[in-house]
C-alpha atoms as a PDB file:
ATOM      1  CA  MET A   1     130.446  93.233  56.575  1.00  0.00           C
ATOM      2  CA  ARG A   2     133.046  95.753  55.419  1.00  0.00           C
ATOM      3  CA  LEU A   3     136.740  95.890  56.240  1.00  0.00           C
ATOM      4  CA  GLY A   4     138.672  98.460  58.240  1.00  0.00           C
ATOM      5  CA  ILE A   5     142.276  98.624  59.331  1.00  0.00           C
ATOM      6  CA  ASN A   6     143.947  99.634  62.569  1.00  0.00           C
ATOM      7  CA  VAL A   7     146.985 101.508  61.286  1.00  0.00           C
ATOM      8  CA  PRO A   8     150.238 100.881  63.190  1.00  0.00           C
ATOM      9  CA  LEU A   9     151.681 104.158  64.399  1.00  0.00           C
ATOM     10  CA  ASP A  10     155.086 103.303  62.912  1.00  0.00           C
ATOM     11  CA  ASP A  11     153.586 102.403  59.525  1.00  0.00           C
ATOM     12  CA  ALA A  12     150.938 105.000  58.680  1.00  0.00           C
ATOM     13  CA  ASP A  13     151.448 104.393  54.955  1.00  0.00           C
ATOM     14  CA  LEU A  14     149.759 101.011  55.433  1.00  0.00           C
ATOM     15  CA  ALA A  15     146.517 102.976  55.088  1.00  0.00           C
ATOM     16  CA  VAL A  16     147.422 103.647  51.445  1.00  0.00           C
ATOM     17  CA  GLU A  17     147.604  99.898  50.791  1.00  0.00           C
ATOM     18  CA  ALA A  18     144.298  99.388  52.626  1.00  0.00           C
ATOM     19  CA  GLU A  19     142.693 102.008  50.402  1.00  0.00           C
ATOM     20  CA  ARG A  20     144.021 100.236  47.294  1.00  0.00           C
ATOM     21  CA  LEU A  21     142.518  96.978  48.541  1.00  0.00           C
ATOM     22  CA  GLY A  22     139.100  98.556  49.010  1.00  0.00           C
ATOM     23  CA  PHE A  23     139.008  98.881  52.805  1.00  0.00           C
ATOM     24  CA  GLU A  24     136.367 101.329  54.043  1.00  0.00           C
ATOM     25  CA  VAL A  25     138.018 103.025  57.016  1.00  0.00           C
ATOM     26  CA  ALA A  26     141.443 103.415  58.635  1.00  0.00           C
ATOM     27  CA  PHE A  27     141.457 103.622  62.433  1.00  0.00           C
ATOM     28  CA  VAL A  28     144.384 105.133  64.329  1.00  0.00           C
ATOM     29  CA  PRO A  29     144.938 104.304  68.019  1.00  0.00           C
ATOM     30  CA  GLU A  30     146.836 106.347  70.541  1.00  0.00           C
ATOM     31  CA  GLY A  31     148.900 105.070  73.404  1.00  0.00           C
ATOM     32  CA  PHE A  32     152.515 104.810  74.465  1.00  0.00           C
ATOM     33  CA  ARG A  33     153.991 105.997  71.152  1.00  0.00           C
ATOM     34  CA  SER A  34     151.812 108.698  69.652  1.00  0.00           C
ATOM     35  CA  ASP A  35     148.612 110.678  69.643  1.00  0.00           C
ATOM     36  CA  ALA A  36     146.063 109.762  66.968  1.00  0.00           C
ATOM     37  CA  ALA A  37     145.242 113.215  65.571  1.00  0.00           C
ATOM     38  CA  SER A  38     148.686 113.840  64.067  1.00  0.00           C
ATOM     39  CA  ALA A  39     148.732 110.502  62.245  1.00  0.00           C
ATOM     40  CA  LEU A  40     145.149 110.985  61.041  1.00  0.00           C
ATOM     41  CA  GLY A  41     146.082 114.292  59.431  1.00  0.00           C
ATOM     42  CA  TYR A  42     148.978 112.588  57.654  1.00  0.00           C
ATOM     43  CA  ILE A  43     146.797 109.705  56.449  1.00  0.00           C
ATOM     44  CA  ALA A  44     144.087 112.092  55.262  1.00  0.00           C
ATOM     45  CA  ALA A  45     146.680 113.856  53.108  1.00  0.00           C
ATOM     46  CA  ARG A  46     148.036 110.567  51.702  1.00  0.00           C
ATOM     47  CA  THR A  47     144.651 109.120  50.695  1.00  0.00           C
ATOM     48  CA  THR A  48     141.590 110.172  48.715  1.00  0.00           C
ATOM     49  CA  ARG A  49     138.781 107.707  49.443  1.00  0.00           C
ATOM     50  CA  ILE A  50     139.259 105.675  52.597  1.00  0.00           C
ATOM     51  CA  HIS A  51     137.630 107.157  55.678  1.00  0.00           C
ATOM     52  CA  VAL A  52     139.825 107.980  58.674  1.00  0.00           C
ATOM     53  CA  ALA A  53     138.817 107.485  62.291  1.00  0.00           C
ATOM     54  CA  SER A  54     140.256 107.830  65.761  1.00  0.00           C
ATOM     55  CA  GLY A  55     140.397 104.396  67.256  1.00  0.00           C
ATOM     56  CA  VAL A  56     140.181 105.884  69.843  1.00  0.00           C
ATOM     57  CA  PHE A  57     140.804 109.395  71.203  1.00  0.00           C
ATOM     58  CA  GLN A  58     141.295 109.211  74.981  1.00  0.00           C
ATOM     59  CA  MET A  59     138.691 111.408  76.650  1.00  0.00           C
ATOM     60  CA  PRO A  60     140.848 112.258  79.703  1.00  0.00           C
ATOM     61  CA  ALA A  61     143.547 113.666  77.403  1.00  0.00           C
ATOM     62  CA  ARG A  62     141.335 116.322  75.779  1.00  0.00           C
ATOM     63  CA  THR A  63     138.618 118.698  76.814  1.00  0.00           C
ATOM     64  CA  PRO A  64     135.405 118.119  74.844  1.00  0.00           C
ATOM     65  CA  ALA A  65     135.897 121.496  73.128  1.00  0.00           C
ATOM     66  CA  MET A  66     139.353 120.450  71.909  1.00  0.00           C
ATOM     67  CA  THR A  67     137.897 117.182  70.613  1.00  0.00           C
ATOM     68  CA  VAL A  68     135.269 119.130  68.669  1.00  0.00           C
ATOM     69  CA  MET A  69     137.950 121.391  67.170  1.00  0.00           C
ATOM     70  CA  THR A  70     140.160 118.419  66.295  1.00  0.00           C
ATOM     71  CA  ALA A  71     137.231 116.581  64.693  1.00  0.00           C
ATOM     72  CA  ALA A  72     136.323 119.676  62.677  1.00  0.00           C
ATOM     73  CA  THR A  73     139.925 120.082  61.505  1.00  0.00           C
ATOM     74  CA  LEU A  74     140.186 116.446  60.431  1.00  0.00           C
ATOM     75  CA  ASP A  75     136.791 116.682  58.737  1.00  0.00           C
ATOM     76  CA  GLY A  76     138.158 119.542  56.660  1.00  0.00           C
ATOM     77  CA  LEU A  77     141.548 117.966  55.935  1.00  0.00           C
ATOM     78  CA  SER A  78     139.935 114.697  54.807  1.00  0.00           C
ATOM     79  CA  GLY A  79     137.163 116.242  52.748  1.00  0.00           C
ATOM     80  CA  GLY A  80     134.452 114.908  55.062  1.00  0.00           C
ATOM     81  CA  ARG A  81     135.940 111.434  55.624  1.00  0.00           C
ATOM     82  CA  PHE A  82     136.519 111.645  59.394  1.00  0.00           C
ATOM     83  CA  ARG A  83     134.784 109.485  62.022  1.00  0.00           C
ATOM     84  CA  LEU A  84     135.201 110.139  65.744  1.00  0.00           C
ATOM     85  CA  GLY A  85     136.040 107.233  68.046  1.00  0.00           C
ATOM     86  CA  LEU A  86     136.151 107.995  71.783  1.00  0.00           C
ATOM     87  CA  GLY A  87     137.218 105.977  74.808  1.00  0.00           C
ATOM     88  CA  VAL A  88     137.221 106.672  78.530  1.00  0.00           C
ATOM     89  CA  SER A  89     140.583 104.875  78.808  1.00  0.00           C
ATOM     90  CA  ASN A  90     141.279 103.293  82.226  1.00  0.00           C
ATOM     91  CA  ALA A  91     142.416 104.233  85.709  1.00  0.00           C
ATOM     92  CA  PHE A  92     146.072 103.494  84.926  1.00  0.00           C
ATOM     93  CA  ILE A  93     146.124 105.981  82.032  1.00  0.00           C
ATOM     94  CA  THR A  94     143.637 108.532  83.370  1.00  0.00           C
ATOM     95  CA  GLU A  95     145.213 108.978  86.794  1.00  0.00           C
ATOM     96  CA  GLY A  96     148.809 108.015  85.991  1.00  0.00           C
ATOM     97  CA  TRP A  97     149.292 109.878  82.725  1.00  0.00           C
ATOM     98  CA  HIS A  98     146.761 112.693  82.778  1.00  0.00           C
ATOM     99  CA  GLY A  99     146.402 113.299  86.520  1.00  0.00           C
ATOM    100  CA  ARG A 100     142.627 113.177  86.467  1.00  0.00           C
ATOM    101  CA  PRO A 101     140.262 111.143  88.664  1.00  0.00           C
ATOM    102  CA  PHE A 102     138.701 108.056  87.121  1.00  0.00           C
ATOM    103  CA  GLY A 103     135.542 107.773  89.222  1.00  0.00           C
ATOM    104  CA  ARG A 104     132.232 107.014  87.484  1.00  0.00           C
ATOM    105  CA  PRO A 105     133.584 106.672  83.940  1.00  0.00           C
ATOM    106  CA  LEU A 106     130.170 105.961  82.405  1.00  0.00           C
ATOM    107  CA  THR A 107     128.730 109.221  83.711  1.00  0.00           C
ATOM    108  CA  MET A 108     131.754 111.074  82.429  1.00  0.00           C
ATOM    109  CA  SER A 109     131.397 109.410  79.012  1.00  0.00           C
ATOM    110  CA  ARG A 110     127.736 110.390  78.793  1.00  0.00           C
ATOM    111  CA  GLU A 111     128.518 114.025  79.614  1.00  0.00           C
ATOM    112  CA  TYR A 112     131.518 114.162  77.285  1.00  0.00           C
ATOM    113  CA  VAL A 113     129.587 112.787  74.296  1.00  0.00           C
ATOM    114  CA  ALA A 114     126.694 115.185  74.966  1.00  0.00           C
ATOM    115  CA  ILE A 115     129.065 118.172  74.854  1.00  0.00           C
ATOM    116  CA  VAL A 116     130.818 116.880  71.729  1.00  0.00           C
ATOM    117  CA  ARG A 117     127.477 116.332  69.982  1.00  0.00           C
ATOM    118  CA  ALA A 118     126.382 119.875  70.839  1.00  0.00           C
ATOM    119  CA  GLY A 119     129.671 121.313  69.604  1.00  0.00           C
ATOM    120  CA  LEU A 120     129.637 119.377  66.327  1.00  0.00           C
ATOM    121  CA  ASP A 121     126.042 120.479  65.749  1.00  0.00           C
ATOM    122  CA  GLY A 122     127.194 124.097  65.957  1.00  0.00           C
ATOM    123  CA  ARG A 123     125.310 124.840  69.163  1.00  0.00           C
ATOM    124  CA  GLN A 124     126.764 126.894  71.974  1.00  0.00           C
ATOM    125  CA  VAL A 125     127.750 124.510  74.758  1.00  0.00           C
ATOM    126  CA  ASP A 126     126.042 125.000  78.101  1.00  0.00           C
ATOM    127  CA  HIS A 127     126.533 121.908  80.246  1.00  0.00           C
ATOM    128  CA  GLN A 128     126.350 121.711  84.016  1.00  0.00           C
ATOM    129  CA  GLY A 129     127.268 118.160  84.970  1.00  0.00           C
ATOM    130  CA  GLU A 130     128.845 116.016  87.648  1.00  0.00           C
ATOM    131  CA  HIS A 131     132.177 115.735  85.823  1.00  0.00           C
ATOM    132  CA  LEU A 132     132.116 118.517  83.251  1.00  0.00           C
ATOM    133  CA  THR A 133     130.866 122.073  83.573  1.00  0.00           C
ATOM    134  CA  VAL A 134     131.014 124.379  80.571  1.00  0.00           C
ATOM    135  CA  PRO A 135     131.187 127.315  81.043  1.00  0.00           C
ATOM    136  CA  LEU A 136     132.333 127.592  84.641  1.00  0.00           C
ATOM    137  CA  PRO A 137     129.767 129.394  86.825  1.00  0.00           C
ATOM    138  CA  GLY A 138     130.979 132.924  87.452  1.00  0.00           C
ATOM    139  CA  GLY A 139     133.786 132.466  84.939  1.00  0.00           C
ATOM    140  CA  ARG A 140     134.963 135.036  82.447  1.00  0.00           C
ATOM    141  CA  GLY A 141     133.958 133.235  79.268  1.00  0.00           C
ATOM    142  CA  THR A 142     130.858 131.941  77.558  1.00  0.00           C
ATOM    143  CA  GLY A 143     130.161 128.397  76.417  1.00  0.00           C
ATOM    144  CA  PHE A 144     132.194 127.032  73.518  1.00  0.00           C
ATOM    145  CA  ARG A 145     130.774 127.209  70.005  1.00  0.00           C
ATOM    146  CA  LEU A 146     132.259 125.891  66.761  1.00  0.00           C
ATOM    147  CA  HIS A 147     132.198 128.654  64.170  1.00  0.00           C
ATOM    148  CA  ASN A 148     133.323 126.808  61.047  1.00  0.00           C
ATOM    149  CA  LYS A 149     130.911 124.688  59.012  1.00  0.00           C
ATOM    150  CA  LEU A 150     131.625 120.967  58.733  1.00  0.00           C
ATOM    151  CA  ILE A 151     131.909 119.214  55.384  1.00  0.00           C
ATOM    152  CA  SER A 152     130.317 116.022  56.685  1.00  0.00           C
ATOM    153  CA  PRO A 153     126.579 116.384  57.363  1.00  0.00           C
ATOM    154  CA  ARG A 154     127.109 114.450  60.592  1.00  0.00           C
ATOM    155  CA  ILE A 155     130.361 113.076  61.982  1.00  0.00           C
ATOM    156  CA  PRO A 156     129.681 109.591  63.410  1.00  0.00           C
ATOM    157  CA  VAL A 157     130.635 109.075  67.051  1.00  0.00           C
ATOM    158  CA  TYR A 158     131.856 105.610  68.036  1.00  0.00           C
ATOM    159  CA  LEU A 159     132.336 104.612  71.666  1.00  0.00           C
ATOM    160  CA  ALA A 160     134.833 102.051  72.941  1.00  0.00           C
ATOM    161  CA  ALA A 161     133.375  99.814  75.635  1.00  0.00           C
ATOM    162  CA  VAL A 162     134.176  96.537  77.383  1.00  0.00           C
ATOM    163  CA  GLY A 163     131.694  95.934  80.214  1.00  0.00           C
ATOM    164  CA  ASP A 164     127.952  95.354  79.911  1.00  0.00           C
ATOM    165  CA  ARG A 165     126.946  98.821  81.117  1.00  0.00           C
ATOM    166  CA  GLY A 166     129.453 100.417  78.778  1.00  0.00           C
ATOM    167  CA  LEU A 167     128.018  98.445  75.857  1.00  0.00           C
ATOM    168  CA  GLU A 168     124.503  99.556  76.745  1.00  0.00           C
ATOM    169  CA  LEU A 169     125.672 103.163  76.961  1.00  0.00           C
ATOM    170  CA  ALA A 170     127.276 102.889  73.521  1.00  0.00           C
ATOM    171  CA  GLY A 171     123.986 101.631  72.131  1.00  0.00           C
ATOM    172  CA  GLU A 172     122.117 104.478  73.784  1.00  0.00           C
ATOM    173  CA  ILE A 173     124.262 107.501  72.845  1.00  0.00           C
ATOM    174  CA  ALA A 174     126.680 106.540  70.055  1.00  0.00           C
ATOM    175  CA  ASP A 175     126.632 105.630  66.357  1.00  0.00           C
ATOM    176  CA  GLY A 176     128.852 102.606  66.798  1.00  0.00           C
ATOM    177  CA  TRP A 177     130.843 100.429  69.199  1.00  0.00           C
ATOM    178  CA  PHE A 178     134.582  99.824  69.043  1.00  0.00           C
ATOM    179  CA  GLY A 179     135.628  96.618  70.823  1.00  0.00           C
ATOM    180  CA  VAL A 180     138.798  94.679  71.661  1.00  0.00           C
ATOM    181  CA  PHE A 181     139.547  91.029  72.532  1.00  0.00           C
ATOM    182  CA  CYS A 182     136.476  89.937  70.591  1.00  0.00           C
ATOM    183  CA  SER A 183     135.633  86.409  69.559  1.00  0.00           C
ATOM    184  CA  PRO A 184     132.507  85.978  67.398  1.00  0.00           C
ATOM    185  CA  ALA A 185     130.673  84.728  70.491  1.00  0.00           C
ATOM    186  CA  ARG A 186     131.747  87.829  72.407  1.00  0.00           C
ATOM    187  CA  VAL A 187     130.499  90.039  69.562  1.00  0.00           C
ATOM    188  CA  ALA A 188     127.104  88.322  69.584  1.00  0.00           C
ATOM    189  CA  GLU A 189     126.840  88.922  73.339  1.00  0.00           C
ATOM    190  CA  ALA A 190     127.869  92.558  72.892  1.00  0.00           C
ATOM    191  CA  VAL A 191     125.272  93.097  70.156  1.00  0.00           C
ATOM    192  CA  ARG A 192     122.541  91.971  72.556  1.00  0.00           C
ATOM    193  CA  ARG A 193     123.731  94.426  75.209  1.00  0.00           C
ATOM    194  CA  ILE A 194     123.994  97.224  72.670  1.00  0.00           C
ATOM    195  CA  GLY A 195     120.417  96.508  71.618  1.00  0.00           C
ATOM    196  CA  VAL A 196     119.213  97.052  75.181  1.00  0.00           C
ATOM    197  CA  GLY A 197     120.754 100.508  75.236  1.00  0.00           C
ATOM    198  CA  ARG A 198     119.568 101.278  71.709  1.00  0.00           C
ATOM    199  CA  LEU A 199     115.945 100.867  72.782  1.00  0.00           C
ATOM    200  CA  ARG A 200     116.204 103.460  75.544  1.00  0.00           C
ATOM    201  CA  GLY A 201     118.110 106.083  73.536  1.00  0.00           C
ATOM    202  CA  ASP A 202     117.054 108.624  70.951  1.00  0.00           C
ATOM    203  CA  HIS A 203     118.592 106.768  68.006  1.00  0.00           C
ATOM    204  CA  ALA A 204     116.537 103.557  67.867  1.00  0.00           C
ATOM    205  CA  GLY A 205     116.072 102.510  64.255  1.00  0.00           C
ATOM    206  CA  GLU A 206     119.166 104.362  63.044  1.00  0.00           C
ATOM    207  CA  ALA A 207     122.192 102.524  61.667  1.00  0.00           C
ATOM    208  CA  PHE A 208     124.722 101.353  64.251  1.00  0.00           C
ATOM    209  CA  GLU A 209     128.230 100.108  63.520  1.00  0.00           C
ATOM    210  CA  VAL A 210     129.653  97.050  65.327  1.00  0.00           C
ATOM    211  CA  ILE A 211     133.437  97.329  65.014  1.00  0.00           C
ATOM    212  CA  PRO A 212     135.653  94.792  66.774  1.00  0.00           C
ATOM    213  CA  SER A 213     139.397  95.310  66.550  1.00  0.00           C
ATOM    214  CA  VAL A 214     140.813  91.949  65.451  1.00  0.00           C
ATOM    215  CA  PRO A 215     144.511  91.116  65.012  1.00  0.00           C
ATOM    216  CA  VAL A 216     145.434  89.263  61.811  1.00  0.00           C
ATOM    217  CA  ALA A 217     148.534  87.175  61.185  1.00  0.00           C
ATOM    218  CA  VAL A 218     149.046  84.872  58.215  1.00  0.00           C
ATOM    219  CA  GLY A 219     150.896  81.562  58.415  1.00  0.00           C
ATOM    220  CA  GLU A 220     150.466  77.811  58.325  1.00  0.00           C
ATOM    221  CA  ASP A 221     151.746  77.346  61.881  1.00  0.00           C
ATOM    222  CA  LEU A 222     149.221  78.869  64.294  1.00  0.00           C
ATOM    223  CA  ALA A 223     151.613  79.060  67.253  1.00  0.00           C
ATOM    224  CA  THR A 224     154.098  81.113  65.241  1.00  0.00           C
ATOM    225  CA  ALA A 225     151.381  83.336  63.776  1.00  0.00           C
ATOM    226  CA  ALA A 226     149.934  83.932  67.251  1.00  0.00           C
ATOM    227  CA  LEU A 227     153.157  85.157  68.854  1.00  0.00           C
ATOM    228  CA  PRO A 228     152.755  88.889  68.038  1.00  0.00           C
ATOM    229  CA  VAL A 229     149.097  88.642  69.080  1.00  0.00           C
ATOM    230  CA  LYS A 230     150.189  87.268  72.441  1.00  0.00           C
ATOM    231  CA  HIS A 231     152.520  90.257  72.873  1.00  0.00           C
ATOM    232  CA  HIS A 232     149.569  92.563  72.212  1.00  0.00           C
ATOM    233  CA  VAL A 233     147.346  90.768  74.745  1.00  0.00           C
ATOM    234  CA  ALA A 234     150.031  90.690  77.437  1.00  0.00           C
ATOM    235  CA  ARG A 235     150.656  94.430  77.122  1.00  0.00           C
ATOM    236  CA  PHE A 236     147.005  95.373  77.648  1.00  0.00           C
ATOM    237  CA  VAL A 237     146.241  92.832  80.367  1.00  0.00           C
ATOM    238  CA  SER A 238     149.293  93.902  82.387  1.00  0.00           C
ATOM    239  CA  LEU A 239     148.346  97.612  82.549  1.00  0.00           C
ATOM    240  CA  GLY A 240     147.871  98.786  86.140  1.00  0.00           C
ATOM    241  CA  HIS A 241     146.199  96.760  88.888  1.00  0.00           C
ATOM    242  CA  ARG A 242     143.876  93.937  87.875  1.00  0.00           C
ATOM    243  CA  SER A 243     140.974  95.420  89.859  1.00  0.00           C
ATOM    244  CA  ASP A 244     140.988  98.479  87.557  1.00  0.00           C
ATOM    245  CA  ASN A 245     141.916  96.775  84.295  1.00  0.00           C
ATOM    246  CA  PHE A 246     138.992  96.291  81.869  1.00  0.00           C
ATOM    247  CA  TYR A 247     141.034  93.938  79.700  1.00  0.00           C
ATOM    248  CA  PHE A 248     141.987  91.748  82.649  1.00  0.00           C
ATOM    249  CA  ARG A 249     138.346  91.424  83.664  1.00  0.00           C
ATOM    250  CA  LEU A 250     137.264  90.716  80.105  1.00  0.00           C
ATOM    251  CA  MET A 251     139.814  87.920  79.828  1.00  0.00           C
ATOM    252  CA  GLU A 252     138.380  86.530  83.064  1.00  0.00           C
ATOM    253  CA  ARG A 253     134.861  86.669  81.647  1.00  0.00           C
ATOM    254  CA  LEU A 254     136.004  84.786  78.573  1.00  0.00           C
ATOM    255  CA  GLY A 255     137.190  81.902  80.759  1.00  0.00           C
ATOM    256  CA  HIS A 256     140.904  82.679  81.066  1.00  0.00           C
ATOM    257  CA  GLY A 257     141.092  84.156  84.557  1.00  0.00           C
ATOM    258  CA  GLU A 258     144.050  82.071  85.717  1.00  0.00           C
ATOM    259  CA  ALA A 259     146.038  83.024  82.638  1.00  0.00           C
ATOM    260  CA  ALA A 260     145.182  86.712  83.133  1.00  0.00           C
ATOM    261  CA  ALA A 261     146.476  86.545  86.711  1.00  0.00           C
ATOM    262  CA  GLU A 262     149.697  84.876  85.600  1.00  0.00           C
ATOM    263  CA  ILE A 263     150.187  87.490  82.862  1.00  0.00           C
ATOM    264  CA  GLN A 264     149.885  90.312  85.396  1.00  0.00           C
ATOM    265  CA  ASP A 265     152.054  88.612  87.998  1.00  0.00           C
ATOM    266  CA  ARG A 266     154.859  87.909  85.535  1.00  0.00           C
ATOM    267  CA  ALA A 267     154.707  91.391  83.983  1.00  0.00           C
ATOM    268  CA  GLN A 268     154.810  93.131  87.352  1.00  0.00           C
ATOM    269  CA  ALA A 269     157.791  90.983  88.313  1.00  0.00           C
ATOM    270  CA  GLY A 270     159.628  92.283  85.249  1.00  0.00           C
ATOM    271  CA  ASP A 271     159.252  89.059  83.274  1.00  0.00           C
ATOM    272  CA  MET A 272     157.497  90.294  80.144  1.00  0.00           C
ATOM    273  CA  ALA A 273     158.626  87.269  78.149  1.00  0.00           C
ATOM    274  CA  GLY A 274     156.934  85.064  80.740  1.00  0.00           C
ATOM    275  CA  ALA A 275     153.793  87.219  80.556  1.00  0.00           C
ATOM    276  CA  VAL A 276     153.649  86.712  76.790  1.00  0.00           C
ATOM    277  CA  ALA A 277     154.173  82.970  77.191  1.00  0.00           C
ATOM    278  CA  ALA A 278     151.273  82.874  79.676  1.00  0.00           C
ATOM    279  CA  VAL A 279     148.769  84.050  77.047  1.00  0.00           C
ATOM    280  CA  PRO A 280     146.930  80.890  75.955  1.00  0.00           C
ATOM    281  CA  LEU A 281     147.090  80.068  72.262  1.00  0.00           C
ATOM    282  CA  GLU A 282     143.378  79.298  72.470  1.00  0.00           C
ATOM    283  CA  PHE A 283     142.615  82.862  73.603  1.00  0.00           C
ATOM    284  CA  ALA A 284     144.793  84.408  70.892  1.00  0.00           C
ATOM    285  CA  ASP A 285     143.096  82.238  68.270  1.00  0.00           C
ATOM    286  CA  GLU A 286     139.576  82.975  69.543  1.00  0.00           C
ATOM    287  CA  THR A 287     140.081  86.723  69.303  1.00  0.00           C
ATOM    288  CA  SER A 288     142.173  86.946  66.115  1.00  0.00           C
ATOM    289  CA  LEU A 289     142.397  85.870  62.505  1.00  0.00           C
ATOM    290  CA  LEU A 290     145.246  83.368  62.264  1.00  0.00           C
ATOM    291  CA  GLY A 291     146.330  81.049  59.461  1.00  0.00           C
ATOM    292  CA  PRO A 292     146.031  80.884  55.666  1.00  0.00           C
ATOM    293  CA  ALA A 293     143.362  82.616  53.563  1.00  0.00           C
ATOM    294  CA  ASP A 294     140.745  79.857  53.768  1.00  0.00           C
ATOM    295  CA  ARG A 295     140.959  79.768  57.567  1.00  0.00           C
ATOM    296  CA  LEU A 296     140.753  83.558  57.732  1.00  0.00           C
ATOM    297  CA  ALA A 297     137.663  83.424  55.499  1.00  0.00           C
ATOM    298  CA  GLU A 298     135.992  80.902  57.805  1.00  0.00           C
ATOM    299  CA  ARG A 299     136.630  83.146  60.816  1.00  0.00           C
ATOM    300  CA  MET A 300     135.473  86.262  58.960  1.00  0.00           C
ATOM    301  CA  ALA A 301     132.196  84.535  58.125  1.00  0.00           C
ATOM    302  CA  ALA A 302     131.696  83.800  61.835  1.00  0.00           C
ATOM    303  CA  TYR A 303     132.237  87.471  62.707  1.00  0.00           C
ATOM    304  CA  ALA A 304     129.749  88.545  60.046  1.00  0.00           C
ATOM    305  CA  GLU A 305     127.192  86.059  61.372  1.00  0.00           C
ATOM    306  CA  ALA A 306     127.677  87.450  64.889  1.00  0.00           C
ATOM    307  CA  GLY A 307     126.671  90.946  63.763  1.00  0.00           C
ATOM    308  CA  VAL A 308     129.917  92.705  62.841  1.00  0.00           C
ATOM    309  CA  THR A 309     129.411  95.548  60.352  1.00  0.00           C
ATOM    310  CA  ILE A 310     133.062  96.673  60.065  1.00  0.00           C
ATOM    311  CA  LEU A 311     135.883  94.250  60.871  1.00  0.00           C
ATOM    312  CA  ALA A 312     138.814  96.432  61.974  1.00  0.00           C
ATOM    313  CA  LEU A 313     141.882  94.351  61.186  1.00  0.00           C
ATOM    314  CA  SER A 314     145.174  94.869  63.026  1.00  0.00           C
ATOM    315  CA  PRO A 315     148.042  93.404  60.971  1.00  0.00           C
ATOM    316  CA  VAL A 316     150.597  92.349  63.568  1.00  0.00           C
ATOM    317  CA  GLY A 317     154.328  91.773  63.309  1.00  0.00           C
ATOM    318  CA  ALA A 318     157.459  93.913  63.367  1.00  0.00           C
ATOM    319  CA  ASP A 319     158.169  93.649  59.631  1.00  0.00           C
ATOM    320  CA  PRO A 320     156.134  96.090  57.441  1.00  0.00           C
ATOM    321  CA  ALA A 321     156.283  93.614  54.550  1.00  0.00           C
ATOM    322  CA  VAL A 322     154.686  90.951  56.749  1.00  0.00           C
ATOM    323  CA  ARG A 323     151.906  93.364  57.752  1.00  0.00           C
ATOM    324  CA  ARG A 324     151.179  94.178  54.090  1.00  0.00           C
ATOM    325  CA  LYS A 325     151.063  90.493  53.238  1.00  0.00           C
ATOM    326  CA  SER A 326     148.570  89.898  56.063  1.00  0.00           C
ATOM    327  CA  LEU A 327     146.418  92.730  54.746  1.00  0.00           C
ATOM    328  CA  GLN A 328     146.465  91.343  51.209  1.00  0.00           C
ATOM    329  CA  VAL A 329     145.603  87.818  52.344  1.00  0.00           C
ATOM    330  CA  ALA A 330     142.765  89.189  54.485  1.00  0.00           C
ATOM    331  CA  ALA A 331     141.370  90.964  51.424  1.00  0.00           C
ATOM    332  CA  GLU A 332     141.578  87.674  49.515  1.00  0.00           C
ATOM    333  CA  ALA A 333     139.765  85.924  52.362  1.00  0.00           C
ATOM    334  CA  ALA A 334     137.004  88.538  52.245  1.00  0.00           C
ATOM    335  CA  GLU A 335     136.582  87.758  48.540  1.00  0.00           C
ATOM    336  CA  LEU A 336     136.160  84.087  49.397  1.00  0.00           C
ATOM    337  CA  ILE A 337     133.143  84.774  51.630  1.00  0.00           C
ATOM    338  CA  SER A 338     131.773  87.568  49.418  1.00  0.00           C
ATOM    339  CA  PRO A 339     132.719  86.867  45.791  1.00  0.00           C
ATOM    340  CA  GLY A 340     132.745  89.939  43.579  1.00  0.00           C
ATOM    341  CA  ARG A 341     133.143  92.292  46.524  1.00  0.00           C
ATOM    342  CA  THR A 342     133.123  95.678  44.801  1.00  0.00           C
ATOM    343  CA  ARG A 343     136.120  97.863  45.504  1.00  0.00           C
ATOM    344  CA  PRO A 344     135.441 101.603  45.430  1.00  0.00           C
ATOM    345  CA  ASP A 345     138.454 102.136  43.144  1.00  0.00           C
ATOM    346  CA  ASN A 346     137.066  99.777  40.470  1.00  0.00           C
END
């Protein structure tokens, strides 16, 4: 199991520290504060070895052709270190922010990835689908084609997924899965679902990355360490209506349905502090790395046993110094479970 980092959008230089510590890849999310592509270009220029990845690009925000062009640009800027993470987002973001319908997201994901694959392979895109049609019939243009040559022989495509059918689709069409709110038990369940999809796709037998996004906070007192994690959980679970919220439903599946309902109710009433307080410590602990180095090491070993190939750590907390300390302690914990872990800069 290798280590990755989810880079906070207000602390992109944290990727430099992750590179020094021997982390393999830096993921950049996009959401309320920033797009991912801009930060990825900055990180690519500030580093030399660590890979950079979108974690994840929102499909509704970009046409597939623009995603291909962005991936090609970042491939060039990074010297072939870019990996492409994609996510269908959710109804709240898709319809509220981007003004696009959210119906049948799995079909849309399948079509989107097919077009991106064709574009990255240098083929002229000709796709007539339910959601995406390129080029438009009777239109003035021809199908998109990428004219510059990539540095990377093949840019990996990772797919974010939460539900069972989404996990199977990731196994079928992608090179890796990017997950959130993942306990080791949840990862093991996801790996089984991914395997089902892997068998019916064209990539059976090829390497597949299992990449849960896991918050990390160091401290002797678990309740104190968990507080920023609880903020993170409350923000995602409170997005939009519970019937359309993947994170709400996942929290239900993991046995915390009553807490998920209280989080949403309090957030929608304007009581965000109450929503944070409603996040159970047990849930935050199950889906995070909390505590001192030896406890982090024990949890890391459980993730590795469950089938994780890259553990994408999210150092939480408002203070950049605290986030760097969490990253350093996590690297120490990784050494505890894998003594002599070779760093690429050694």
